[in-house]
Amino acid sequence: MQRPDPEDTRRAAQARLVAFVIAGTMLLWMGAQWLGGALGWDTRYVFLFDFAAIAAFVWAMVVTYQIWRGRQR
């Protein structure tokens, strides 16, 4: 049995990190939305969580694109 290519191992680790970031961002964002509604937070604070979630999703898309491009080579 062959050992996996180190590059494939690195890509797999990146993919796992992206998966955790997406799942964690979604859970934290939903929790912040619920908590903001329950506590009556001002909308500017809720938008702060929205923008943080958007930034995390954009980062995840960029890294996913890099993984995809790395596999094309």
C-alpha atoms as a PDB file:
ATOM      1  CA  MET A   1       0.000   0.000   0.000  1.00  0.00           C
ATOM      2  CA  GLN A   2       1.333   3.409  -0.947  1.00  0.00           C
ATOM      3  CA  ARG A   3       1.673   6.338   1.354  1.00  0.00           C
ATOM      4  CA  PRO A   4      -0.546   9.305   0.512  1.00  0.00           C
ATOM      5  CA  ASP A   5       1.054  12.194  -1.271  1.00  0.00           C
ATOM      6  CA  PRO A   6       1.985  14.984   1.214  1.00  0.00           C
ATOM      7  CA  GLU A   7       0.211  17.479  -1.028  1.00  0.00           C
ATOM      8  CA  ASP A   8      -3.004  15.437  -0.843  1.00  0.00           C
ATOM      9  CA  THR A   9      -2.673  15.275   2.938  1.00  0.00           C
ATOM     10  CA  ARG A  10      -2.293  19.062   3.087  1.00  0.00           C
ATOM     11  CA  ARG A  11      -5.340  19.550   0.863  1.00  0.00           C
ATOM     12  CA  ALA A  12      -7.377  17.193   3.032  1.00  0.00           C
ATOM     13  CA  ALA A  13      -6.424  19.168   6.138  1.00  0.00           C
ATOM     14  CA  GLN A  14      -7.446  22.400   4.412  1.00  0.00           C
ATOM     15  CA  ALA A  15     -10.752  20.874   3.372  1.00  0.00           C
ATOM     16  CA  ARG A  16     -11.444  19.780   6.949  1.00  0.00           C
ATOM     17  CA  LEU A  17     -10.652  23.290   8.197  1.00  0.00           C
ATOM     18  CA  VAL A  18     -13.026  24.785   5.626  1.00  0.00           C
ATOM     19  CA  ALA A  19     -15.759  22.359   6.715  1.00  0.00           C
ATOM     20  CA  PHE A  20     -15.312  23.295  10.380  1.00  0.00           C
ATOM     21  CA  VAL A  21     -15.327  27.012   9.577  1.00  0.00           C
ATOM     22  CA  ILE A  22     -18.521  26.718   7.530  1.00  0.00           C
ATOM     23  CA  ALA A  23     -20.317  24.629  10.159  1.00  0.00           C
ATOM     24  CA  GLY A  24     -19.085  26.753  13.060  1.00  0.00           C
ATOM     25  CA  THR A  25     -19.934  29.999  11.333  1.00  0.00           C
ATOM     26  CA  MET A  26     -23.442  28.808  10.581  1.00  0.00           C
ATOM     27  CA  LEU A  27     -24.039  27.701  14.179  1.00  0.00           C
ATOM     28  CA  LEU A  28     -22.605  30.897  15.677  1.00  0.00           C
ATOM     29  CA  TRP A  29     -24.510  33.084  13.234  1.00  0.00           C
ATOM     30  CA  MET A  30     -27.819  31.334  13.949  1.00  0.00           C
ATOM     31  CA  GLY A  31     -27.139  31.569  17.686  1.00  0.00           C
ATOM     32  CA  ALA A  32     -26.350  35.276  17.421  1.00  0.00           C
ATOM     33  CA  GLN A  33     -29.532  35.894  15.425  1.00  0.00           C
ATOM     34  CA  TRP A  34     -31.632  34.081  17.997  1.00  0.00           C
ATOM     35  CA  LEU A  35     -29.890  35.757  20.941  1.00  0.00           C
ATOM     36  CA  GLY A  36     -30.195  39.190  19.327  1.00  0.00           C
ATOM     37  CA  GLY A  37     -33.924  38.704  18.848  1.00  0.00           C
ATOM     38  CA  ALA A  38     -34.428  37.345  22.335  1.00  0.00           C
ATOM     39  CA  LEU A  39     -32.484  40.140  24.029  1.00  0.00           C
ATOM     40  CA  GLY A  40     -33.670  42.913  21.725  1.00  0.00           C
ATOM     41  CA  TRP A  41     -30.217  43.923  20.486  1.00  0.00           C
ATOM     42  CA  ASP A  42     -29.904  46.955  18.279  1.00  0.00           C
ATOM     43  CA  THR A  43     -29.803  46.058  14.584  1.00  0.00           C
ATOM     44  CA  ARG A  44     -26.270  47.395  14.142  1.00  0.00           C
ATOM     45  CA  TYR A  45     -24.963  44.679  16.473  1.00  0.00           C
ATOM     46  CA  VAL A  46     -26.869  42.007  14.614  1.00  0.00           C
ATOM     47  CA  PHE A  47     -25.457  43.309  11.315  1.00  0.00           C
ATOM     48  CA  LEU A  48     -21.987  42.999  12.830  1.00  0.00           C
ATOM     49  CA  PHE A  49     -22.568  39.241  13.182  1.00  0.00           C
ATOM     50  CA  ASP A  50     -23.948  39.137   9.637  1.00  0.00           C
ATOM     51  CA  PHE A  51     -20.811  40.765   8.226  1.00  0.00           C
ATOM     52  CA  ALA A  52     -18.560  38.473  10.261  1.00  0.00           C
ATOM     53  CA  ALA A  53     -20.423  35.457   8.880  1.00  0.00           C
ATOM     54  CA  ILE A  54     -20.143  36.789   5.328  1.00  0.00           C
ATOM     55  CA  ALA A  55     -16.391  37.272   5.805  1.00  0.00           C
ATOM     56  CA  ALA A  56     -16.014  33.692   7.050  1.00  0.00           C
ATOM     57  CA  PHE A  57     -17.998  32.324   4.119  1.00  0.00           C
ATOM     58  CA  VAL A  58     -15.959  34.357   1.624  1.00  0.00           C
ATOM     59  CA  TRP A  59     -12.757  33.027   3.204  1.00  0.00           C
ATOM     60  CA  ALA A  60     -14.122  29.472   2.939  1.00  0.00           C
ATOM     61  CA  MET A  61     -14.983  29.994  -0.736  1.00  0.00           C
ATOM     62  CA  VAL A  62     -11.504  31.347  -1.495  1.00  0.00           C
ATOM     63  CA  VAL A  63      -9.784  28.425   0.222  1.00  0.00           C
ATOM     64  CA  THR A  64     -12.126  25.944  -1.482  1.00  0.00           C
ATOM     65  CA  TYR A  65     -11.249  27.506  -4.838  1.00  0.00           C
ATOM     66  CA  GLN A  66      -7.538  27.195  -4.003  1.00  0.00           C
ATOM     67  CA  ILE A  67      -7.999  23.526  -3.122  1.00  0.00           C
ATOM     68  CA  TRP A  68      -9.875  22.939  -6.368  1.00  0.00           C
ATOM     69  CA  ARG A  69      -7.202  24.718  -8.421  1.00  0.00           C
ATOM     70  CA  GLY A  70      -4.489  22.738  -6.656  1.00  0.00           C
ATOM     71  CA  ARG A  71      -6.155  19.486  -7.670  1.00  0.00           C
ATOM     72  CA  GLN A  72      -6.271  20.612 -11.311  1.00  0.00           C
ATOM     73  CA  ARG A  73      -2.474  20.642 -11.530  1.00  0.00           C
END
